Structures are given as structure tokens and as C-alpha cells.
Amino acid sequence: MTALRGTYTVLITPFTADGGAVDVPALKKLVNWQIEQGIHGLIPLGSTGEFLSMTPEERAQVIEICVTEAAGRVPVLIGTGAEWTRDAVALAKEAEGMGADGVMVIPPYYSSPTPDELFEHYRRIGEAISLPVMIYNNPATANVDLTPPIVARLSEIDNVLYIKESTLEVTRVRDIIELCGDRMTVFAGILGYESFWLGAQGWVAVCSNLIPRDSARLFELVADHGDKEQALALYKKMLPIVRWVGGHRYVAASKTGLGMMGLAVGDPRAPRLPLPEADAAALRADLAAYGLIDSLA
């Protein structure tokens, strides 16, 4: 199996204007545009994809569309996190059966599992499928912190080969690599640029919903070329967009931004609200400065 690396977009899920259904044409266009722009991989049904606000039928629809449209051009990992281990296993099996290249699994987010419970949770998932498993550490939303020592233990599970590390502690990249060696490949979740220099081999990015070409290029400049000067200049250019999709508004800002770029993808589903008008005006100004307004029309 080819190792996964590079910038992967954790895709938004386009909904129709009334929010009642997945917008199939918009999702197809988004997937193809991402790949044409040079993104290295796609991850539908993550937090940015509003996986907790979708029916099982909608989830399956999104998987089918993304896998079919990608057509093997880039890897497609599916977010398959669930509170109940049985459900997480079933979702992982569904993703594998539908042709996914891997799964990304956030820990159970309500029960506050112990390290032993986390190990059992991921062991059952890893043993149920033949796909690579990317564990997902986002303690701000999952109520669980996969610390480097816990990650080292999880790396002993067959198929648990990757981690999306989404804290603001960039030294965790260093510590995970030190503890796990080649048993675990780190993808940054937030601090992409900073993590690359410490050995991260990928970035699960939100900003690449809006700027996939530059998000992929940033990884390439560091990991493939070691070009600090160009990489830093590009990172500084990207920072306004990176900041817009940080924090609580990451879904709303991504969807509003895509709409301004010419691809209507609907609003977030409740309880999330659309981006407030004042913020939308400021976002439009930053997108205009980047030359992105109507670029997808």
C-alpha cells in the first residue's frame, strides 16, 4: 500500500438551499475542482463535513460520490467516528465496502474513555478492516486527548498507521515521532506549516476547501524541496484564509467563502448558524485580495 502523505482537504458537505438534501452537483464539482487544483487527498465526513448532522443514507451518498468522482486519482479517506464502538466498526466496514482508501476516526466524544477503553475501541476497528486507520486527536471538540504516550500504545494496533494531530502544541509532532518511530505517520490538523518542519508527512486542512492549490504547494515546498523562504512567503499569504476557518466558524466560513467564489454549497445545518453579515463582508474582502471572488463561477 502506498504511504499517505501531503495535504488532504477535510471536505465540507454541500447542501441544497433549504438544507434538506446533499447537493449532488455541487459535491461532484467540488471534488473534481479539488483534484484539478492539485490536492493530495480528500477526507469527507469529518467535522468540517458535518458528519454528526447527517442521516445514514446521506453519509453513504457522500461516500459514493466522493469515491466515484475521485476515481483513484487521489486517496479518499472517510470520517467514521462514532460514540459506540459497534457503530464505529460498522461505519469503517461500510467505507471499506464502498471503495474508500482509509478511514479517519475521532475518539468517542461523550463517554470520556480511559486509555484502556481507547485501545479496545481502536483495536476493534483496526481488526475489522484492511484499510489504514487515521486516528484523530482534537481534544477541543472530542473531550478526549490522545497524548503522545496514548498514541504510542495505539500505534501497536495493526492498521492504525496515521494520526491527525489537531492541537496547538506543535511539539507533539516531535514527541509522537520519537515514541512511535515508523509505526505512526503524523498529519497536522491545525499547524500545517509548523508541523512539516518537525517531521509531519501531511496536513488535514480546512483552508484547502478554499485554496487547495496553495495548501498542497505549501506541503511540497517544505517536504519535497526544503525551501524555507518560498514556503514562509506562501504561508504568510495564506494566513488570512487559514485564520478564517479556524475556531468555531470553520464550517460557516468555508461554506460562505465557497459561495463567494461561485460555488453555492448551502448553509451549515443547525445548531450551527451561517456566518454573520459583518464577518461575511470581511471574509469577502480577504477573498477579493486573494483573487478568489467568483473564481469557481
C-alpha atoms as a PDB file:
ATOM      1  CA  MET A   1       0.000   0.000   0.000  1.00  0.00           C
ATOM      2  CA  THR A   2       1.365   3.416  -0.954  1.00  0.00           C
ATOM      3  CA  ALA A   3       2.043   5.591   2.068  1.00  0.00           C
ATOM      4  CA  LEU A   4      -0.312   8.510   2.537  1.00  0.00           C
ATOM      5  CA  ARG A   5       1.275  11.965   2.572  1.00  0.00           C
ATOM      6  CA  GLY A   6       0.547  15.523   1.528  1.00  0.00           C
ATOM      7  CA  THR A   7      -2.316  17.954   2.054  1.00  0.00           C
ATOM      8  CA  TYR A   8      -5.753  16.382   2.374  1.00  0.00           C
ATOM      9  CA  THR A   9      -8.891  18.509   2.354  1.00  0.00           C
ATOM     10  CA  VAL A  10     -11.412  17.685   5.052  1.00  0.00           C
ATOM     11  CA  LEU A  11     -14.325  18.449   2.768  1.00  0.00           C
ATOM     12  CA  ILE A  12     -17.413  20.466   3.544  1.00  0.00           C
ATOM     13  CA  THR A  13     -20.698  18.769   2.609  1.00  0.00           C
ATOM     14  CA  PRO A  14     -22.743  20.873   0.181  1.00  0.00           C
ATOM     15  CA  PHE A  15     -26.447  21.026   0.996  1.00  0.00           C
ATOM     16  CA  THR A  16     -29.332  22.337  -1.075  1.00  0.00           C
ATOM     17  CA  ALA A  17     -30.565  25.848  -0.395  1.00  0.00           C
ATOM     18  CA  ASP A  18     -33.227  24.605   2.030  1.00  0.00           C
ATOM     19  CA  GLY A  19     -30.735  22.322   3.755  1.00  0.00           C
ATOM     20  CA  GLY A  20     -32.906  19.298   3.151  1.00  0.00           C
ATOM     21  CA  ALA A  21     -30.564  17.232   0.994  1.00  0.00           C
ATOM     22  CA  VAL A  22     -26.997  16.765  -0.155  1.00  0.00           C
ATOM     23  CA  ASP A  23     -26.354  18.947  -3.205  1.00  0.00           C
ATOM     24  CA  VAL A  24     -25.035  16.281  -5.556  1.00  0.00           C
ATOM     25  CA  PRO A  25     -23.897  18.503  -8.461  1.00  0.00           C
ATOM     26  CA  ALA A  26     -22.101  20.853  -6.071  1.00  0.00           C
ATOM     27  CA  LEU A  27     -20.305  17.972  -4.336  1.00  0.00           C
ATOM     28  CA  LYS A  28     -19.211  16.483  -7.660  1.00  0.00           C
ATOM     29  CA  LYS A  29     -17.894  19.850  -8.810  1.00  0.00           C
ATOM     30  CA  LEU A  30     -16.082  20.398  -5.513  1.00  0.00           C
ATOM     31  CA  VAL A  31     -14.355  17.002  -5.623  1.00  0.00           C
ATOM     32  CA  ASN A  32     -13.192  17.435  -9.213  1.00  0.00           C
ATOM     33  CA  TRP A  33     -12.043  21.006  -8.660  1.00  0.00           C
ATOM     34  CA  GLN A  34     -10.030  19.972  -5.613  1.00  0.00           C
ATOM     35  CA  ILE A  35      -8.237  17.277  -7.592  1.00  0.00           C
ATOM     36  CA  GLU A  36      -7.681  19.539 -10.590  1.00  0.00           C
ATOM     37  CA  GLN A  37      -6.118  22.087  -8.238  1.00  0.00           C
ATOM     38  CA  GLY A  38      -3.549  19.518  -7.113  1.00  0.00           C
ATOM     39  CA  ILE A  39      -4.801  18.465  -3.697  1.00  0.00           C
ATOM     40  CA  HIS A  40      -3.130  15.254  -2.490  1.00  0.00           C
ATOM     41  CA  GLY A  41      -6.176  13.617  -0.892  1.00  0.00           C
ATOM     42  CA  LEU A  42      -9.750  14.088   0.327  1.00  0.00           C
ATOM     43  CA  ILE A  43     -11.479  13.351   3.621  1.00  0.00           C
ATOM     44  CA  PRO A  44     -15.275  13.647   3.503  1.00  0.00           C
ATOM     45  CA  LEU A  45     -17.460  13.264   6.586  1.00  0.00           C
ATOM     46  CA  GLY A  46     -15.073  14.810   9.053  1.00  0.00           C
ATOM     47  CA  SER A  47     -16.025  17.565  11.467  1.00  0.00           C
ATOM     48  CA  THR A  48     -15.966  20.105   8.627  1.00  0.00           C
ATOM     49  CA  GLY A  49     -18.265  17.783   6.680  1.00  0.00           C
ATOM     50  CA  GLU A  50     -20.879  17.969   9.463  1.00  0.00           C
ATOM     51  CA  PHE A  51     -20.933  14.184   9.866  1.00  0.00           C
ATOM     52  CA  LEU A  52     -22.972  14.415  13.067  1.00  0.00           C
ATOM     53  CA  SER A  53     -25.754  16.298  11.267  1.00  0.00           C
ATOM     54  CA  MET A  54     -26.418  13.767   8.523  1.00  0.00           C
ATOM     55  CA  THR A  55     -28.563  10.686   8.078  1.00  0.00           C
ATOM     56  CA  PRO A  56     -27.002   7.271   7.360  1.00  0.00           C
ATOM     57  CA  GLU A  57     -28.375   7.475   3.827  1.00  0.00           C
ATOM     58  CA  GLU A  58     -26.738  10.867   3.266  1.00  0.00           C
ATOM     59  CA  ARG A  59     -23.427   9.572   4.595  1.00  0.00           C
ATOM     60  CA  ALA A  60     -23.489   6.683   2.127  1.00  0.00           C
ATOM     61  CA  GLN A  61     -24.419   9.072  -0.677  1.00  0.00           C
ATOM     62  CA  VAL A  62     -21.430  11.308   0.081  1.00  0.00           C
ATOM     63  CA  ILE A  63     -19.050   8.343   0.210  1.00  0.00           C
ATOM     64  CA  GLU A  64     -20.285   7.020  -3.122  1.00  0.00           C
ATOM     65  CA  ILE A  65     -19.995  10.399  -4.832  1.00  0.00           C
ATOM     66  CA  CYS A  66     -16.519  11.181  -3.499  1.00  0.00           C
ATOM     67  CA  VAL A  67     -15.057   7.752  -4.253  1.00  0.00           C
ATOM     68  CA  THR A  68     -16.639   7.626  -7.712  1.00  0.00           C
ATOM     69  CA  GLU A  69     -15.639  11.159  -8.708  1.00  0.00           C
ATOM     70  CA  ALA A  70     -12.094  10.785  -7.368  1.00  0.00           C
ATOM     71  CA  ALA A  71     -11.789   7.599  -9.444  1.00  0.00           C
ATOM     72  CA  GLY A  72      -8.467   6.672  -7.892  1.00  0.00           C
ATOM     73  CA  ARG A  73      -6.788   9.967  -8.773  1.00  0.00           C
ATOM     74  CA  VAL A  74      -6.191  10.769  -5.099  1.00  0.00           C
ATOM     75  CA  PRO A  75      -6.782   8.781  -1.898  1.00  0.00           C
ATOM     76  CA  VAL A  76     -10.177   9.228  -0.254  1.00  0.00           C
ATOM     77  CA  LEU A  77     -10.370   8.663   3.488  1.00  0.00           C
ATOM     78  CA  ILE A  78     -13.772   8.629   5.163  1.00  0.00           C
ATOM     79  CA  GLY A  79     -14.564  10.031   8.586  1.00  0.00           C
ATOM     80  CA  THR A  80     -16.095   7.122  10.517  1.00  0.00           C
ATOM     81  CA  GLY A  81     -16.086   8.292  14.117  1.00  0.00           C
ATOM     82  CA  ALA A  82     -18.908   7.242  16.434  1.00  0.00           C
ATOM     83  CA  GLU A  83     -19.590   7.151  20.157  1.00  0.00           C
ATOM     84  CA  TRP A  84     -20.472   3.453  20.206  1.00  0.00           C
ATOM     85  CA  THR A  85     -17.677   1.131  19.170  1.00  0.00           C
ATOM     86  CA  ARG A  86     -20.131  -1.090  17.329  1.00  0.00           C
ATOM     87  CA  ASP A  87     -21.201   1.852  15.186  1.00  0.00           C
ATOM     88  CA  ALA A  88     -17.606   2.920  14.529  1.00  0.00           C
ATOM     89  CA  VAL A  89     -16.768  -0.582  13.333  1.00  0.00           C
ATOM     90  CA  ALA A  90     -19.865  -0.691  11.119  1.00  0.00           C
ATOM     91  CA  LEU A  91     -19.072   2.692   9.575  1.00  0.00           C
ATOM     92  CA  ALA A  92     -15.483   1.657   8.881  1.00  0.00           C
ATOM     93  CA  LYS A  93     -16.692  -1.530   7.194  1.00  0.00           C
ATOM     94  CA  GLU A  94     -19.154   0.495   5.128  1.00  0.00           C
ATOM     95  CA  ALA A  95     -16.367   2.813   3.959  1.00  0.00           C
ATOM     96  CA  GLU A  96     -14.176  -0.116   3.004  1.00  0.00           C
ATOM     97  CA  GLY A  97     -17.012  -1.812   1.141  1.00  0.00           C
ATOM     98  CA  MET A  98     -17.661   1.358  -0.841  1.00  0.00           C
ATOM     99  CA  GLY A  99     -14.099   1.688  -2.047  1.00  0.00           C
ATOM    100  CA  ALA A 100     -12.506   4.133   0.388  1.00  0.00           C
ATOM    101  CA  ASP A 101      -8.723   4.182   0.753  1.00  0.00           C
ATOM    102  CA  GLY A 102      -8.764   4.629   4.529  1.00  0.00           C
ATOM    103  CA  VAL A 103     -10.757   5.906   7.481  1.00  0.00           C
ATOM    104  CA  MET A 104     -10.278   8.773   9.913  1.00  0.00           C
ATOM    105  CA  VAL A 105     -11.654   8.024  13.370  1.00  0.00           C
ATOM    106  CA  ILE A 106     -12.183  10.574  16.113  1.00  0.00           C
ATOM    107  CA  PRO A 107     -12.395   9.002  19.608  1.00  0.00           C
ATOM    108  CA  PRO A 108     -15.749   8.534  21.335  1.00  0.00           C
ATOM    109  CA  TYR A 109     -16.674  12.104  22.214  1.00  0.00           C
ATOM    110  CA  TYR A 110     -19.054  11.801  25.167  1.00  0.00           C
ATOM    111  CA  SER A 111     -18.029   8.873  27.343  1.00  0.00           C
ATOM    112  CA  SER A 112     -14.522  10.203  28.121  1.00  0.00           C
ATOM    113  CA  PRO A 113     -12.893   6.801  27.590  1.00  0.00           C
ATOM    114  CA  THR A 114      -9.854   5.699  29.559  1.00  0.00           C
ATOM    115  CA  PRO A 115      -6.619   4.725  27.765  1.00  0.00           C
ATOM    116  CA  ASP A 116      -7.621   1.041  28.049  1.00  0.00           C
ATOM    117  CA  GLU A 117     -11.042   1.802  26.553  1.00  0.00           C
ATOM    118  CA  LEU A 118      -9.477   3.807  23.739  1.00  0.00           C
ATOM    119  CA  PHE A 119      -7.148   0.937  22.930  1.00  0.00           C
ATOM    120  CA  GLU A 120     -10.051  -1.510  22.791  1.00  0.00           C
ATOM    121  CA  HIS A 121     -12.105   0.873  20.645  1.00  0.00           C
ATOM    122  CA  TYR A 122      -9.376   1.286  18.038  1.00  0.00           C
ATOM    123  CA  ARG A 123      -8.293  -2.360  18.240  1.00  0.00           C
ATOM    124  CA  ARG A 124     -11.762  -3.499  17.206  1.00  0.00           C
ATOM    125  CA  ILE A 125     -11.829  -1.032  14.317  1.00  0.00           C
ATOM    126  CA  GLY A 126      -8.347  -1.959  13.141  1.00  0.00           C
ATOM    127  CA  GLU A 127      -9.109  -5.669  13.216  1.00  0.00           C
ATOM    128  CA  ALA A 128     -12.420  -5.259  11.368  1.00  0.00           C
ATOM    129  CA  ILE A 129     -10.985  -3.721   8.177  1.00  0.00           C
ATOM    130  CA  SER A 130      -7.901  -3.945   5.996  1.00  0.00           C
ATOM    131  CA  LEU A 131      -7.722  -0.189   5.376  1.00  0.00           C
ATOM    132  CA  PRO A 132      -5.287   2.166   7.118  1.00  0.00           C
ATOM    133  CA  VAL A 133      -6.776   3.924  10.135  1.00  0.00           C
ATOM    134  CA  MET A 134      -6.013   7.574  10.868  1.00  0.00           C
ATOM    135  CA  ILE A 135      -6.765   8.380  14.483  1.00  0.00           C
ATOM    136  CA  TYR A 136      -7.895  11.935  15.073  1.00  0.00           C
ATOM    137  CA  ASN A 137      -6.829  13.940  18.104  1.00  0.00           C
ATOM    138  CA  ASN A 138      -8.986  17.019  18.641  1.00  0.00           C
ATOM    139  CA  PRO A 139      -9.488  17.402  22.405  1.00  0.00           C
ATOM    140  CA  ALA A 140     -11.238  20.749  21.980  1.00  0.00           C
ATOM    141  CA  THR A 141     -14.233  19.017  20.393  1.00  0.00           C
ATOM    142  CA  ALA A 142     -13.901  15.335  21.296  1.00  0.00           C
ATOM    143  CA  ASN A 143     -13.427  15.737  25.056  1.00  0.00           C
ATOM    144  CA  VAL A 144     -10.550  13.234  24.758  1.00  0.00           C
ATOM    145  CA  ASP A 145      -6.843  13.959  24.450  1.00  0.00           C
ATOM    146  CA  LEU A 146      -4.775  11.384  22.604  1.00  0.00           C
ATOM    147  CA  THR A 147      -1.477  12.290  24.247  1.00  0.00           C
ATOM    148  CA  PRO A 148       1.778  11.041  22.735  1.00  0.00           C
ATOM    149  CA  PRO A 149       2.060   8.109  25.206  1.00  0.00           C
ATOM    150  CA  ILE A 150      -1.501   7.014  24.331  1.00  0.00           C
ATOM    151  CA  VAL A 151      -0.724   7.391  20.626  1.00  0.00           C
ATOM    152  CA  ALA A 152       2.374   5.228  21.079  1.00  0.00           C
ATOM    153  CA  ARG A 153       0.212   2.467  22.534  1.00  0.00           C
ATOM    154  CA  LEU A 154      -2.368   2.786  19.754  1.00  0.00           C
ATOM    155  CA  SER A 155       0.390   2.558  17.156  1.00  0.00           C
ATOM    156  CA  GLU A 156       0.883  -1.075  18.180  1.00  0.00           C
ATOM    157  CA  ILE A 157      -2.505  -1.908  16.616  1.00  0.00           C
ATOM    158  CA  ASP A 158      -2.356  -3.268  13.098  1.00  0.00           C
ATOM    159  CA  ASN A 159      -3.696  -0.754  10.549  1.00  0.00           C
ATOM    160  CA  VAL A 160      -3.516   2.198  12.987  1.00  0.00           C
ATOM    161  CA  LEU A 161      -0.864   3.942  10.946  1.00  0.00           C
ATOM    162  CA  TYR A 162      -1.697   7.657  10.908  1.00  0.00           C
ATOM    163  CA  ILE A 163      -2.755  10.440  13.241  1.00  0.00           C
ATOM    164  CA  LYS A 164      -4.353  13.791  12.589  1.00  0.00           C
ATOM    165  CA  GLU A 165      -2.906  15.852  15.439  1.00  0.00           C
ATOM    166  CA  SER A 166      -5.151  18.872  15.997  1.00  0.00           C
ATOM    167  CA  THR A 167      -3.821  20.721  18.997  1.00  0.00           C
ATOM    168  CA  LEU A 168      -1.825  23.932  19.166  1.00  0.00           C
ATOM    169  CA  GLU A 169       1.106  22.071  20.745  1.00  0.00           C
ATOM    170  CA  VAL A 170       3.375  21.581  17.772  1.00  0.00           C
ATOM    171  CA  THR A 171       5.922  19.730  19.924  1.00  0.00           C
ATOM    172  CA  ARG A 172       3.501  16.805  19.933  1.00  0.00           C
ATOM    173  CA  VAL A 173       4.597  16.062  16.379  1.00  0.00           C
ATOM    174  CA  ARG A 174       8.150  15.673  17.651  1.00  0.00           C
ATOM    175  CA  ASP A 175       7.090  13.546  20.612  1.00  0.00           C
ATOM    176  CA  ILE A 176       4.825  11.221  18.600  1.00  0.00           C
ATOM    177  CA  ILE A 177       7.580  10.570  16.076  1.00  0.00           C
ATOM    178  CA  GLU A 178      10.079   9.959  18.878  1.00  0.00           C
ATOM    179  CA  LEU A 179       7.808   7.494  20.685  1.00  0.00           C
ATOM    180  CA  CYS A 180       6.342   5.709  17.660  1.00  0.00           C
ATOM    181  CA  GLY A 181       9.079   5.754  15.060  1.00  0.00           C
ATOM    182  CA  ASP A 182       7.867   4.481  11.713  1.00  0.00           C
ATOM    183  CA  ARG A 183       4.757   2.901  13.262  1.00  0.00           C
ATOM    184  CA  MET A 184       2.854   6.214  13.081  1.00  0.00           C
ATOM    185  CA  THR A 185       2.821   8.941  10.432  1.00  0.00           C
ATOM    186  CA  VAL A 186       1.736  12.367  11.639  1.00  0.00           C
ATOM    187  CA  PHE A 187      -0.653  14.616   9.725  1.00  0.00           C
ATOM    188  CA  ALA A 188      -1.103  18.098  11.140  1.00  0.00           C
ATOM    189  CA  GLY A 189      -4.644  19.194  11.857  1.00  0.00           C
ATOM    190  CA  ILE A 190      -4.155  22.903  12.559  1.00  0.00           C
ATOM    191  CA  LEU A 191      -0.490  23.848  12.438  1.00  0.00           C
ATOM    192  CA  GLY A 192       0.385  22.556   8.992  1.00  0.00           C
ATOM    193  CA  TYR A 193       3.394  24.714   8.154  1.00  0.00           C
ATOM    194  CA  GLU A 194       4.881  24.470  11.624  1.00  0.00           C
ATOM    195  CA  SER A 195       4.375  20.698  11.824  1.00  0.00           C
ATOM    196  CA  PHE A 196       6.024  19.969   8.469  1.00  0.00           C
ATOM    197  CA  TRP A 197       9.382  21.188   9.787  1.00  0.00           C
ATOM    198  CA  LEU A 198       9.148  18.757  12.718  1.00  0.00           C
ATOM    199  CA  GLY A 199       8.512  15.739  10.520  1.00  0.00           C
ATOM    200  CA  ALA A 200       4.773  15.705   9.825  1.00  0.00           C
ATOM    201  CA  GLN A 201       4.178  13.988   6.488  1.00  0.00           C
ATOM    202  CA  GLY A 202       0.793  15.522   5.841  1.00  0.00           C
ATOM    203  CA  TRP A 203      -1.855  18.078   6.716  1.00  0.00           C
ATOM    204  CA  VAL A 204      -5.595  17.518   7.061  1.00  0.00           C
ATOM    205  CA  ALA A 205      -6.591  21.049   6.169  1.00  0.00           C
ATOM    206  CA  VAL A 206      -9.807  23.062   6.335  1.00  0.00           C
ATOM    207  CA  CYS A 207      -8.444  26.060   4.440  1.00  0.00           C
ATOM    208  CA  SER A 208      -7.867  23.880   1.386  1.00  0.00           C
ATOM    209  CA  ASN A 209     -11.623  23.849   0.822  1.00  0.00           C
ATOM    210  CA  LEU A 210     -10.967  27.394  -0.432  1.00  0.00           C
ATOM    211  CA  ILE A 211      -7.308  27.335  -1.505  1.00  0.00           C
ATOM    212  CA  PRO A 212      -6.409  23.738  -2.411  1.00  0.00           C
ATOM    213  CA  ARG A 213      -3.585  24.590  -4.820  1.00  0.00           C
ATOM    214  CA  ASP A 214      -1.648  26.713  -2.338  1.00  0.00           C
ATOM    215  CA  SER A 215      -2.380  24.321   0.525  1.00  0.00           C
ATOM    216  CA  ALA A 216      -0.850  21.459  -1.457  1.00  0.00           C
ATOM    217  CA  ARG A 217       2.030  23.623  -2.641  1.00  0.00           C
ATOM    218  CA  LEU A 218       2.907  24.604   0.938  1.00  0.00           C
ATOM    219  CA  PHE A 219       3.495  20.957   1.827  1.00  0.00           C
ATOM    220  CA  GLU A 220       5.533  20.368  -1.309  1.00  0.00           C
ATOM    221  CA  LEU A 221       7.773  23.380  -0.703  1.00  0.00           C
ATOM    222  CA  VAL A 222       8.695  22.099   2.749  1.00  0.00           C
ATOM    223  CA  ALA A 223       8.601  18.305   2.445  1.00  0.00           C
ATOM    224  CA  ASP A 224       9.856  17.896  -1.116  1.00  0.00           C
ATOM    225  CA  HIS A 225      12.068  20.934  -1.610  1.00  0.00           C
ATOM    226  CA  GLY A 226      13.023  22.232   1.848  1.00  0.00           C
ATOM    227  CA  ASP A 227      12.529  25.744   0.525  1.00  0.00           C
ATOM    228  CA  LYS A 228      12.054  27.769   3.685  1.00  0.00           C
ATOM    229  CA  GLU A 229      11.971  31.177   2.001  1.00  0.00           C
ATOM    230  CA  GLN A 230       9.248  30.352  -0.524  1.00  0.00           C
ATOM    231  CA  ALA A 231       7.290  28.256   1.965  1.00  0.00           C
ATOM    232  CA  LEU A 232       7.217  31.027   4.546  1.00  0.00           C
ATOM    233  CA  ALA A 233       6.164  33.613   1.962  1.00  0.00           C
ATOM    234  CA  LEU A 234       3.317  31.363   0.802  1.00  0.00           C
ATOM    235  CA  TYR A 235       2.262  30.631   4.374  1.00  0.00           C
ATOM    236  CA  LYS A 236       2.047  34.340   5.163  1.00  0.00           C
ATOM    237  CA  LYS A 237      -0.090  34.843   2.050  1.00  0.00           C
ATOM    238  CA  MET A 238      -2.412  32.032   3.156  1.00  0.00           C
ATOM    239  CA  LEU A 239      -2.742  33.118   6.795  1.00  0.00           C
ATOM    240  CA  PRO A 240      -5.869  35.292   6.406  1.00  0.00           C
ATOM    241  CA  ILE A 241      -7.743  32.322   4.930  1.00  0.00           C
ATOM    242  CA  VAL A 242      -6.271  29.915   7.479  1.00  0.00           C
ATOM    243  CA  ARG A 243      -7.490  32.166  10.279  1.00  0.00           C
ATOM    244  CA  TRP A 244     -10.982  32.475   8.816  1.00  0.00           C
ATOM    245  CA  VAL A 245     -11.532  28.744   9.035  1.00  0.00           C
ATOM    246  CA  GLY A 246     -10.034  28.395  12.485  1.00  0.00           C
ATOM    247  CA  GLY A 247     -12.085  28.293  15.658  1.00  0.00           C
ATOM    248  CA  HIS A 248     -15.809  27.704  15.858  1.00  0.00           C
ATOM    249  CA  ARG A 249     -16.694  29.251  12.489  1.00  0.00           C
ATOM    250  CA  TYR A 250     -14.724  26.806  10.365  1.00  0.00           C
ATOM    251  CA  VAL A 251     -17.800  25.283   8.709  1.00  0.00           C
ATOM    252  CA  ALA A 252     -19.702  28.544   8.238  1.00  0.00           C
ATOM    253  CA  ALA A 253     -16.687  30.448   6.894  1.00  0.00           C
ATOM    254  CA  SER A 254     -15.753  27.646   4.490  1.00  0.00           C
ATOM    255  CA  LYS A 255     -19.271  27.437   3.093  1.00  0.00           C
ATOM    256  CA  THR A 256     -19.724  31.187   2.849  1.00  0.00           C
ATOM    257  CA  GLY A 257     -16.341  31.507   1.170  1.00  0.00           C
ATOM    258  CA  LEU A 258     -17.124  28.873  -1.438  1.00  0.00           C
ATOM    259  CA  GLY A 259     -20.367  30.665  -2.189  1.00  0.00           C
ATOM    260  CA  MET A 260     -18.460  33.910  -2.773  1.00  0.00           C
ATOM    261  CA  MET A 261     -16.098  32.017  -5.041  1.00  0.00           C
ATOM    262  CA  GLY A 262     -19.019  30.924  -7.211  1.00  0.00           C
ATOM    263  CA  LEU A 263     -19.973  27.505  -5.828  1.00  0.00           C
ATOM    264  CA  ALA A 264     -23.141  27.637  -3.731  1.00  0.00           C
ATOM    265  CA  VAL A 265     -22.939  24.907  -1.079  1.00  0.00           C
ATOM    266  CA  GLY A 266     -25.734  25.939   1.286  1.00  0.00           C
ATOM    267  CA  ASP A 267     -25.587  26.875   4.951  1.00  0.00           C
ATOM    268  CA  PRO A 268     -24.414  24.730   7.841  1.00  0.00           C
ATOM    269  CA  ARG A 269     -27.098  22.628   9.476  1.00  0.00           C
ATOM    270  CA  ALA A 270     -28.463  23.627  12.873  1.00  0.00           C
ATOM    271  CA  PRO A 271     -27.384  24.210  15.514  1.00  0.00           C
ATOM    272  CA  ARG A 272     -24.630  25.865  13.509  1.00  0.00           C
ATOM    273  CA  LEU A 273     -25.583  29.242  12.071  1.00  0.00           C
ATOM    274  CA  PRO A 274     -24.400  30.943   8.882  1.00  0.00           C
ATOM    275  CA  LEU A 275     -21.547  33.407   9.096  1.00  0.00           C
ATOM    276  CA  PRO A 276     -22.805  36.790  10.450  1.00  0.00           C
ATOM    277  CA  GLU A 277     -23.104  39.540   7.866  1.00  0.00           C
ATOM    278  CA  ALA A 278     -20.291  41.652   9.292  1.00  0.00           C
ATOM    279  CA  ASP A 279     -17.919  38.689   9.220  1.00  0.00           C
ATOM    280  CA  ALA A 280     -19.075  37.775   5.713  1.00  0.00           C
ATOM    281  CA  ALA A 281     -18.152  41.251   4.475  1.00  0.00           C
ATOM    282  CA  ALA A 282     -14.680  40.963   5.994  1.00  0.00           C
ATOM    283  CA  LEU A 283     -14.237  37.481   4.528  1.00  0.00           C
ATOM    284  CA  ARG A 284     -15.229  38.780   1.101  1.00  0.00           C
ATOM    285  CA  ALA A 285     -12.536  41.451   1.359  1.00  0.00           C
ATOM    286  CA  ASP A 286      -9.862  38.857   2.155  1.00  0.00           C
ATOM    287  CA  LEU A 287     -11.031  36.563  -0.646  1.00  0.00           C
ATOM    288  CA  ALA A 288     -11.002  39.507  -3.041  1.00  0.00           C
ATOM    289  CA  ALA A 289      -7.450  40.373  -2.020  1.00  0.00           C
ATOM    290  CA  TYR A 290      -6.533  36.764  -2.789  1.00  0.00           C
ATOM    291  CA  GLY A 291      -8.222  36.966  -6.199  1.00  0.00           C
ATOM    292  CA  LEU A 292     -10.786  34.294  -5.357  1.00  0.00           C
ATOM    293  CA  ILE A 293     -14.137  36.047  -5.794  1.00  0.00           C
ATOM    294  CA  ASP A 294     -16.156  34.235  -8.499  1.00  0.00           C
ATOM    295  CA  SER A 295     -13.130  32.078  -9.334  1.00  0.00           C
ATOM    296  CA  LEU A 296     -15.338  28.974  -9.310  1.00  0.00           C
ATOM    297  CA  ALA A 297     -18.222  30.516 -11.246  1.00  0.00           C
END
